N, C-alpha and C. Protein backbone atom coordinates (compact mmCIF):
# COMPACT_ATOMS: atom_id res chain seq x y z
N MET A 1 -34.21 35.98 30.72
CA MET A 1 -34.05 35.48 30.14
C MET A 1 -35.70 36.09 30.05
N HIS A 2 -36.63 36.24 29.36
CA HIS A 2 -38.14 36.76 30.17
C HIS A 2 -38.96 36.85 28.20
N CYS A 3 -39.98 36.25 28.80
CA CYS A 3 -41.07 36.24 27.56
C CYS A 3 -40.79 38.42 26.89
N PRO A 4 -41.13 38.12 26.41
CA PRO A 4 -41.40 39.16 25.01
C PRO A 4 -42.98 39.69 25.23
N LYS A 5 -43.64 39.67 24.72
CA LYS A 5 -45.23 38.87 25.28
C LYS A 5 -45.83 39.99 27.08
N CYS A 6 -45.76 38.25 28.09
CA CYS A 6 -45.78 38.59 29.11
C CYS A 6 -45.31 38.34 30.15
N LEU A 7 -43.63 39.01 29.56
CA LEU A 7 -42.46 38.80 30.40
C LEU A 7 -42.36 38.19 31.74
N SER A 8 -42.55 36.98 31.58
CA SER A 8 -42.78 35.64 32.81
C SER A 8 -41.84 35.40 31.91
N ASP A 9 -41.07 34.66 33.66
CA ASP A 9 -40.20 34.04 33.06
C ASP A 9 -39.74 32.46 32.95
N GLN A 10 -40.91 32.08 33.00
CA GLN A 10 -41.62 30.55 32.99
C GLN A 10 -41.53 30.19 31.02
N TYR A 11 -40.51 29.76 30.43
CA TYR A 11 -40.78 29.03 29.43
C TYR A 11 -39.57 27.09 29.14
N VAL A 12 -39.55 27.40 28.25
CA VAL A 12 -39.20 25.96 28.10
C VAL A 12 -38.36 25.79 26.28
N LYS A 13 -37.52 25.15 26.26
CA LYS A 13 -36.68 24.99 24.49
C LYS A 13 -37.63 24.33 24.11
N ASN A 14 -37.72 24.78 22.56
CA ASN A 14 -39.03 24.24 21.60
C ASN A 14 -38.25 24.99 20.10
N GLY A 15 -37.38 23.78 20.19
CA GLY A 15 -36.58 23.91 18.82
C GLY A 15 -35.71 24.77 18.40
N ILE A 16 -35.02 24.68 17.00
CA ILE A 16 -33.68 25.61 16.94
C ILE A 16 -34.27 26.07 15.32
N LYS A 17 -34.80 27.30 15.09
CA LYS A 17 -34.74 28.08 13.81
C LYS A 17 -33.34 29.23 13.75
N TYR A 18 -33.31 28.41 12.03
CA TYR A 18 -32.24 30.17 11.75
C TYR A 18 -31.20 29.33 12.86
N ASN A 19 -30.53 28.45 13.37
CA ASN A 19 -29.12 28.17 13.36
C ASN A 19 -29.38 29.10 15.56
N LYS A 20 -30.89 29.09 15.22
CA LYS A 20 -30.74 30.01 17.35
C LYS A 20 -31.90 29.04 17.89
N GLN A 21 -31.61 28.95 18.92
CA GLN A 21 -32.69 28.28 20.15
C GLN A 21 -33.80 28.61 20.45
N ARG A 22 -34.81 28.24 19.88
CA ARG A 22 -36.67 28.19 20.03
C ARG A 22 -36.91 28.81 21.74
N TYR A 23 -38.01 29.43 22.25
CA TYR A 23 -38.35 28.64 23.33
C TYR A 23 -40.26 29.32 23.09
N LYS A 24 -40.54 28.66 24.31
CA LYS A 24 -42.04 28.86 24.33
C LYS A 24 -42.21 29.16 26.09
N CYS A 25 -43.29 30.29 25.68
CA CYS A 25 -43.53 30.60 26.84
C CYS A 25 -44.80 30.04 27.54
N LYS A 26 -45.03 29.37 28.87
CA LYS A 26 -45.56 28.70 29.07
C LYS A 26 -46.71 28.90 29.81
N LYS A 27 -46.51 30.50 30.20
CA LYS A 27 -47.86 31.04 30.74
C LYS A 27 -49.13 32.10 29.03
N CYS A 28 -47.79 32.18 28.59
CA CYS A 28 -49.11 32.36 27.30
C CYS A 28 -48.64 31.82 25.74
N GLY A 29 -47.59 30.46 25.75
CA GLY A 29 -47.69 30.52 24.52
C GLY A 29 -46.50 31.45 23.26
N CYS A 30 -46.40 31.91 23.90
CA CYS A 30 -45.47 32.58 22.58
C CYS A 30 -44.36 31.57 22.32
N HIS A 31 -43.42 32.01 20.99
CA HIS A 31 -42.65 31.20 20.80
C HIS A 31 -41.47 32.37 20.68
N PHE A 32 -40.29 32.55 20.58
CA PHE A 32 -39.66 33.87 21.07
C PHE A 32 -38.02 33.24 20.48
N THR A 33 -37.09 34.00 20.31
CA THR A 33 -36.36 33.24 20.50
C THR A 33 -35.06 34.51 21.43
N GLN A 34 -33.62 34.37 22.20
CA GLN A 34 -32.93 35.04 23.22
C GLN A 34 -32.57 36.33 22.28
N SER A 35 -33.33 36.95 22.20
CA SER A 35 -33.30 38.39 22.39
C SER A 35 -31.69 39.06 22.37
N HIS A 36 -30.83 40.15 21.41
CA HIS A 36 -30.04 40.90 22.17
C HIS A 36 -30.22 42.20 21.38
N LYS A 37 -29.54 42.68 22.49
CA LYS A 37 -29.91 44.18 22.46
C LYS A 37 -29.11 44.99 22.24
N ARG A 38 -30.04 45.46 20.75
CA ARG A 38 -29.94 46.83 19.91
C ARG A 38 -30.23 48.06 20.25
N GLY A 39 -29.01 48.93 19.90
CA GLY A 39 -29.24 50.36 20.12
C GLY A 39 -27.97 50.70 21.17
N ALA A 40 -27.51 52.04 21.51
CA ALA A 40 -26.46 52.24 22.62
C ALA A 40 -26.53 52.38 23.49
N SER A 41 -25.61 52.24 24.61
CA SER A 41 -26.33 52.49 26.41
C SER A 41 -26.31 53.75 26.58
N LEU A 42 -26.83 53.62 27.62
CA LEU A 42 -27.07 54.72 28.19
C LEU A 42 -26.51 55.93 28.28
N GLU A 43 -25.15 55.24 29.00
CA GLU A 43 -23.73 55.95 29.17
C GLU A 43 -23.32 57.12 28.43
N THR A 44 -23.13 55.95 26.47
CA THR A 44 -22.59 56.40 25.64
C THR A 44 -23.86 58.01 25.28
N LYS A 45 -25.38 57.53 25.67
CA LYS A 45 -25.83 58.52 24.87
C LYS A 45 -26.14 60.02 26.41
N LEU A 46 -25.30 59.62 27.56
CA LEU A 46 -24.88 60.79 27.70
C LEU A 46 -23.43 61.59 28.11
N MET A 47 -22.46 60.89 27.14
CA MET A 47 -21.69 61.06 26.60
C MET A 47 -21.85 61.97 25.51
N ALA A 48 -22.10 61.52 24.81
CA ALA A 48 -22.88 62.08 23.48
C ALA A 48 -23.40 63.59 23.67
N LEU A 49 -24.36 63.44 24.78
CA LEU A 49 -25.19 64.69 25.76
C LEU A 49 -24.07 65.44 26.05
N ASN A 50 -22.80 65.22 26.68
CA ASN A 50 -21.94 66.09 27.28
C ASN A 50 -21.34 66.46 26.47
N LEU A 51 -20.14 65.56 25.66
CA LEU A 51 -19.76 66.31 24.00
C LEU A 51 -20.75 67.62 23.43
N TYR A 52 -21.87 67.49 23.30
CA TYR A 52 -22.30 68.24 22.76
C TYR A 52 -22.81 69.45 23.52
N LEU A 53 -22.57 69.67 24.67
CA LEU A 53 -23.18 71.25 25.47
C LEU A 53 -21.51 71.53 26.05
N GLU A 54 -20.38 70.44 25.21
CA GLU A 54 -18.88 71.48 25.44
C GLU A 54 -18.86 71.99 23.96
N GLY A 55 -19.77 72.33 22.90
CA GLY A 55 -19.19 72.98 21.84
C GLY A 55 -19.24 71.33 20.64
N MET A 56 -19.04 70.43 21.03
CA MET A 56 -18.28 69.98 19.91
C MET A 56 -19.78 69.65 18.77
N GLY A 57 -19.15 69.44 17.71
CA GLY A 57 -20.64 69.59 16.37
C GLY A 57 -20.90 67.92 16.53
N LEU A 58 -22.23 67.48 15.66
CA LEU A 58 -22.67 66.74 16.05
C LEU A 58 -22.14 65.51 14.94
N ARG A 59 -21.35 66.10 13.59
CA ARG A 59 -20.52 65.03 12.99
C ARG A 59 -19.64 64.58 13.92
N ALA A 60 -18.63 65.32 15.07
CA ALA A 60 -17.85 64.84 15.60
C ALA A 60 -17.75 63.97 16.43
N ILE A 61 -19.20 64.74 16.99
CA ILE A 61 -19.75 63.50 17.93
C ILE A 61 -19.94 62.08 17.46
N GLY A 62 -20.48 62.04 16.73
CA GLY A 62 -20.43 60.62 15.59
C GLY A 62 -19.32 59.69 15.04
N ARG A 63 -18.58 61.04 14.86
CA ARG A 63 -17.50 59.94 14.18
C ARG A 63 -16.74 59.29 15.43
N ILE A 64 -16.61 60.25 17.21
CA ILE A 64 -15.74 59.86 18.00
C ILE A 64 -16.26 58.66 19.00
N LEU A 65 -18.12 58.91 18.95
CA LEU A 65 -18.97 57.75 19.11
C LEU A 65 -19.06 55.86 18.16
N LYS A 66 -18.87 56.91 16.76
CA LYS A 66 -19.03 55.48 15.63
C LYS A 66 -20.02 55.56 15.93
N VAL A 67 -20.66 56.43 15.64
CA VAL A 67 -22.51 55.94 15.16
C VAL A 67 -22.37 57.40 14.45
N SER A 68 -23.79 57.61 13.90
CA SER A 68 -24.12 58.90 12.67
C SER A 68 -24.83 59.63 13.16
N ASN A 69 -24.58 60.76 12.61
CA ASN A 69 -24.73 61.78 13.20
C ASN A 69 -26.04 62.35 13.39
N VAL A 70 -26.90 61.50 12.26
CA VAL A 70 -28.12 61.80 13.06
C VAL A 70 -28.67 61.24 14.15
N THR A 71 -28.30 59.70 14.46
CA THR A 71 -28.07 58.66 15.17
C THR A 71 -28.13 60.29 16.72
N VAL A 72 -26.80 60.60 16.83
CA VAL A 72 -26.73 61.56 18.39
C VAL A 72 -27.21 62.61 18.01
N LEU A 73 -27.95 63.07 16.29
CA LEU A 73 -29.17 64.26 16.97
C LEU A 73 -30.49 63.96 17.49
N TYR A 74 -31.23 62.32 17.08
CA TYR A 74 -31.88 61.95 18.47
C TYR A 74 -31.58 61.34 19.30
N TRP A 75 -30.71 60.80 20.14
CA TRP A 75 -30.74 61.02 20.90
C TRP A 75 -30.79 62.65 22.15
N ILE A 76 -29.73 63.18 21.62
CA ILE A 76 -30.38 64.59 21.79
C ILE A 76 -31.55 65.53 22.19
N ARG A 77 -32.25 64.61 20.73
CA ARG A 77 -33.60 65.32 20.83
C ARG A 77 -34.38 64.33 21.77
N SER A 78 -34.02 63.34 21.80
CA SER A 78 -35.01 62.69 22.77
C SER A 78 -34.86 63.10 24.15
N ILE A 79 -34.08 63.21 24.73
CA ILE A 79 -32.89 63.82 26.12
C ILE A 79 -33.67 64.43 26.25
N GLY A 80 -33.72 65.47 25.03
CA GLY A 80 -34.58 66.97 25.20
C GLY A 80 -36.06 66.64 25.97
N GLN A 81 -37.04 66.27 25.00
CA GLN A 81 -37.90 65.82 25.47
C GLN A 81 -38.37 64.56 27.10
N SER A 82 -37.53 63.98 26.77
CA SER A 82 -37.23 64.04 28.44
C SER A 82 -37.45 64.67 29.31
N VAL A 83 -36.42 65.52 29.25
CA VAL A 83 -36.31 66.77 29.75
C VAL A 83 -38.01 67.72 29.96
N LYS A 84 -38.46 67.83 29.36
CA LYS A 84 -40.07 67.90 28.62
C LYS A 84 -41.05 67.55 30.17
N ALA A 85 -40.60 66.30 29.58
CA ALA A 85 -41.91 65.39 30.56
C ALA A 85 -41.76 65.38 31.90
N TYR A 86 -40.46 65.54 32.45
CA TYR A 86 -40.01 66.48 33.55
C TYR A 86 -41.03 66.81 34.34
N VAL A 87 -40.40 68.69 33.01
CA VAL A 87 -41.10 69.28 33.93
C VAL A 87 -42.15 69.49 33.97
N GLN A 88 -42.58 68.90 33.20
CA GLN A 88 -45.00 69.08 33.47
C GLN A 88 -45.10 68.58 34.30
N THR A 89 -43.80 67.43 34.84
CA THR A 89 -44.55 65.98 35.73
C THR A 89 -44.31 66.46 36.94
N HIS A 90 -42.87 66.59 37.21
CA HIS A 90 -41.98 66.99 38.62
C HIS A 90 -42.43 68.18 39.42
N LEU A 91 -42.37 69.48 38.17
CA LEU A 91 -42.33 70.58 38.78
C LEU A 91 -43.28 71.46 39.48
N PRO A 92 -43.12 72.21 40.79
CA PRO A 92 -44.61 72.63 40.98
C PRO A 92 -45.34 73.19 39.75
N ASP A 93 -46.76 73.76 40.27
CA ASP A 93 -47.71 74.49 39.47
C ASP A 93 -46.64 75.47 38.66
N ASP A 94 -46.17 76.72 39.32
CA ASP A 94 -46.14 77.88 39.00
C ASP A 94 -44.96 77.98 38.23
N ILE A 95 -44.23 76.72 38.16
CA ILE A 95 -42.69 77.20 37.56
C ILE A 95 -43.29 75.73 35.69
N ARG A 96 -44.02 75.45 35.55
CA ARG A 96 -44.89 74.24 34.78
C ARG A 96 -45.37 75.72 33.23
N HIS A 97 -44.96 76.49 33.70
CA HIS A 97 -44.99 77.13 32.51
C HIS A 97 -44.54 77.78 31.00
N VAL A 98 -43.34 77.08 31.54
CA VAL A 98 -42.22 76.70 30.28
C VAL A 98 -42.82 76.53 29.24
N ASP A 99 -42.39 77.08 28.39
CA ASP A 99 -42.96 77.01 26.99
C ASP A 99 -41.77 77.01 26.03
N ILE A 100 -40.46 77.22 26.26
CA ILE A 100 -39.45 77.02 25.25
C ILE A 100 -38.23 76.45 26.70
N ILE A 101 -37.82 75.12 26.12
CA ILE A 101 -36.21 74.04 26.54
C ILE A 101 -34.99 74.46 26.24
N GLU A 102 -33.91 75.41 26.64
CA GLU A 102 -33.18 75.83 25.54
C GLU A 102 -31.99 74.97 25.77
N MET A 103 -31.52 73.99 24.81
CA MET A 103 -30.34 72.59 25.20
C MET A 103 -29.21 73.95 24.03
N ASP A 104 -28.21 74.36 24.50
CA ASP A 104 -27.32 74.97 24.09
C ASP A 104 -28.03 75.11 22.51
N GLU A 105 -27.49 75.07 21.46
CA GLU A 105 -28.29 75.91 20.39
C GLU A 105 -29.47 75.71 19.96
N MET A 106 -29.59 74.65 20.47
CA MET A 106 -30.88 73.60 19.83
C MET A 106 -32.71 74.03 20.81
N TRP A 107 -33.06 74.61 19.90
CA TRP A 107 -34.18 74.91 20.69
C TRP A 107 -35.39 73.47 20.95
N HIS A 108 -36.34 73.64 21.80
CA HIS A 108 -37.28 72.86 21.73
C HIS A 108 -38.24 73.08 21.65
N PHE A 109 -39.61 73.91 21.31
CA PHE A 109 -40.68 73.91 21.50
C PHE A 109 -41.64 73.03 21.78
N THR A 110 -42.56 73.44 23.61
CA THR A 110 -43.00 72.37 23.75
C THR A 110 -44.53 73.15 23.88
N LYS A 111 -45.38 74.59 23.40
CA LYS A 111 -46.73 74.64 23.41
C LYS A 111 -46.69 75.32 22.00
N LYS A 112 -47.33 75.31 21.61
CA LYS A 112 -47.54 75.81 20.43
C LYS A 112 -48.32 77.28 20.30
N LYS A 113 -47.85 78.28 19.13
CA LYS A 113 -47.61 79.92 19.67
C LYS A 113 -49.07 79.33 19.19
N THR A 114 -50.33 80.64 19.52
CA THR A 114 -51.48 81.42 18.99
C THR A 114 -51.01 82.29 18.45
N GLU A 115 -50.15 83.33 18.91
CA GLU A 115 -50.47 84.37 18.37
C GLU A 115 -49.44 84.56 17.29
N SER A 116 -49.83 85.13 16.11
CA SER A 116 -48.27 85.81 15.39
C SER A 116 -46.87 86.50 15.82
N SER A 117 -46.14 85.74 15.16
CA SER A 117 -44.70 86.75 15.99
C SER A 117 -44.07 87.12 14.48
N GLY A 118 -43.27 88.86 14.32
CA GLY A 118 -42.63 89.25 13.53
C GLY A 118 -41.46 89.29 14.12
N TYR A 119 -40.25 89.45 13.29
CA TYR A 119 -39.13 89.66 13.59
C TYR A 119 -38.55 91.07 13.52
N GLY A 120 -37.19 91.63 13.82
CA GLY A 120 -36.43 92.37 13.93
C GLY A 120 -35.59 92.85 12.71
N SER A 121 -35.21 93.56 12.28
CA SER A 121 -33.99 93.43 11.24
C SER A 121 -33.24 94.67 12.28
N LEU A 122 -31.43 94.27 11.70
CA LEU A 122 -30.81 95.74 12.34
C LEU A 122 -31.02 96.83 11.47
N SER A 123 -30.86 98.11 12.29
CA SER A 123 -31.07 99.04 11.82
C SER A 123 -29.95 99.88 12.06
N ILE A 124 -28.80 100.21 11.44
CA ILE A 124 -27.58 101.07 11.81
C ILE A 124 -27.77 102.41 11.06
N GLY A 125 -27.65 103.48 11.96
CA GLY A 125 -27.77 104.61 11.60
C GLY A 125 -26.25 105.12 11.23
N ILE A 126 -26.08 105.42 10.01
CA ILE A 126 -24.56 106.48 9.58
C ILE A 126 -24.92 107.84 9.61
N PRO A 127 -23.84 108.90 10.59
CA PRO A 127 -23.92 109.89 9.71
C PRO A 127 -23.74 110.27 8.98
N LYS A 128 -24.53 111.86 8.31
CA LYS A 128 -24.15 111.53 6.73
C LYS A 128 -23.02 112.41 6.22
N LYS A 129 -21.62 112.64 7.42
CA LYS A 129 -20.12 113.32 7.12
C LYS A 129 -19.17 112.43 7.39
N SER A 130 -19.66 110.85 7.56
CA SER A 130 -19.13 110.41 7.86
C SER A 130 -18.17 109.62 6.51
N LEU A 131 -16.73 108.51 6.41
CA LEU A 131 -16.14 108.10 5.84
C LEU A 131 -16.92 107.56 4.81
N LEU A 132 -17.59 106.97 4.97
CA LEU A 132 -18.64 105.76 4.06
C LEU A 132 -19.74 106.59 3.27
N SER A 133 -19.74 107.46 3.83
CA SER A 133 -21.30 108.28 3.03
C SER A 133 -20.61 108.94 1.69
N GLN A 134 -19.00 109.39 2.95
CA GLN A 134 -17.95 110.47 1.63
C GLN A 134 -17.97 108.85 0.24
N LEU A 135 -17.49 108.24 0.86
CA LEU A 135 -17.14 107.02 -0.40
C LEU A 135 -18.84 106.32 -1.70
N GLU A 136 -19.43 106.52 -0.66
CA GLU A 136 -20.35 106.36 -1.69
C GLU A 136 -20.53 107.44 -2.28
N ALA A 137 -20.82 108.75 -1.69
CA ALA A 137 -21.18 110.28 -3.16
C ALA A 137 -19.69 110.03 -4.09
N GLU A 138 -18.47 109.62 -3.88
CA GLU A 138 -16.88 109.52 -4.94
C GLU A 138 -17.47 108.12 -5.47
N ALA A 139 -18.41 108.15 -5.64
CA ALA A 139 -18.69 106.07 -5.89
C ALA A 139 -20.38 106.77 -7.12
N GLU A 140 -20.69 107.15 -6.32
CA GLU A 140 -21.77 107.69 -8.16
C GLU A 140 -21.66 108.56 -8.39
N ARG A 141 -20.62 109.37 -8.56
CA ARG A 141 -20.29 110.54 -8.77
C ARG A 141 -20.36 110.70 -10.80
N PRO A 142 -20.64 110.61 -11.44
CA PRO A 142 -20.53 110.60 -13.76
C PRO A 142 -18.88 111.10 -13.64
N THR A 143 -18.11 110.50 -14.12
CA THR A 143 -16.19 110.90 -14.82
C THR A 143 -17.14 111.41 -16.36
N LYS A 144 -16.13 113.02 -16.22
CA LYS A 144 -16.53 113.21 -17.72
C LYS A 144 -14.88 112.26 -18.33
N SER A 145 -15.72 112.81 -19.18
CA SER A 145 -14.96 112.39 -20.81
C SER A 145 -15.13 113.19 -22.04
């Protein structure tokens, strides 16, 4: 156990509060209790990432690991940000120009676009003598009464 402020291991017992033993750091004088680690382990987070990369949905991963699906999403996003930081610091200069890192279906934009971009729409050409154009012509004809 260490002091949460100065990380010193020199402390003494200093009473009990809310049925928990209190300690006082000899170096900085900080009062603290023994902390219990919160959150999931790294192995659990990596298991969630592996399941996600295998194609499993976020809700299913959450049910298996007994955590919220939003928590799984945060874990995957944070791992993506770690990959981004690694790319920007450890790779050679000619590879650092990566703008988008893709992790399966999830996209992480690492740089703001300066130019505008549009989108294209799907266009299919149908020959005039096709069956679909004949059906349209038949449907549009008025009936004689």
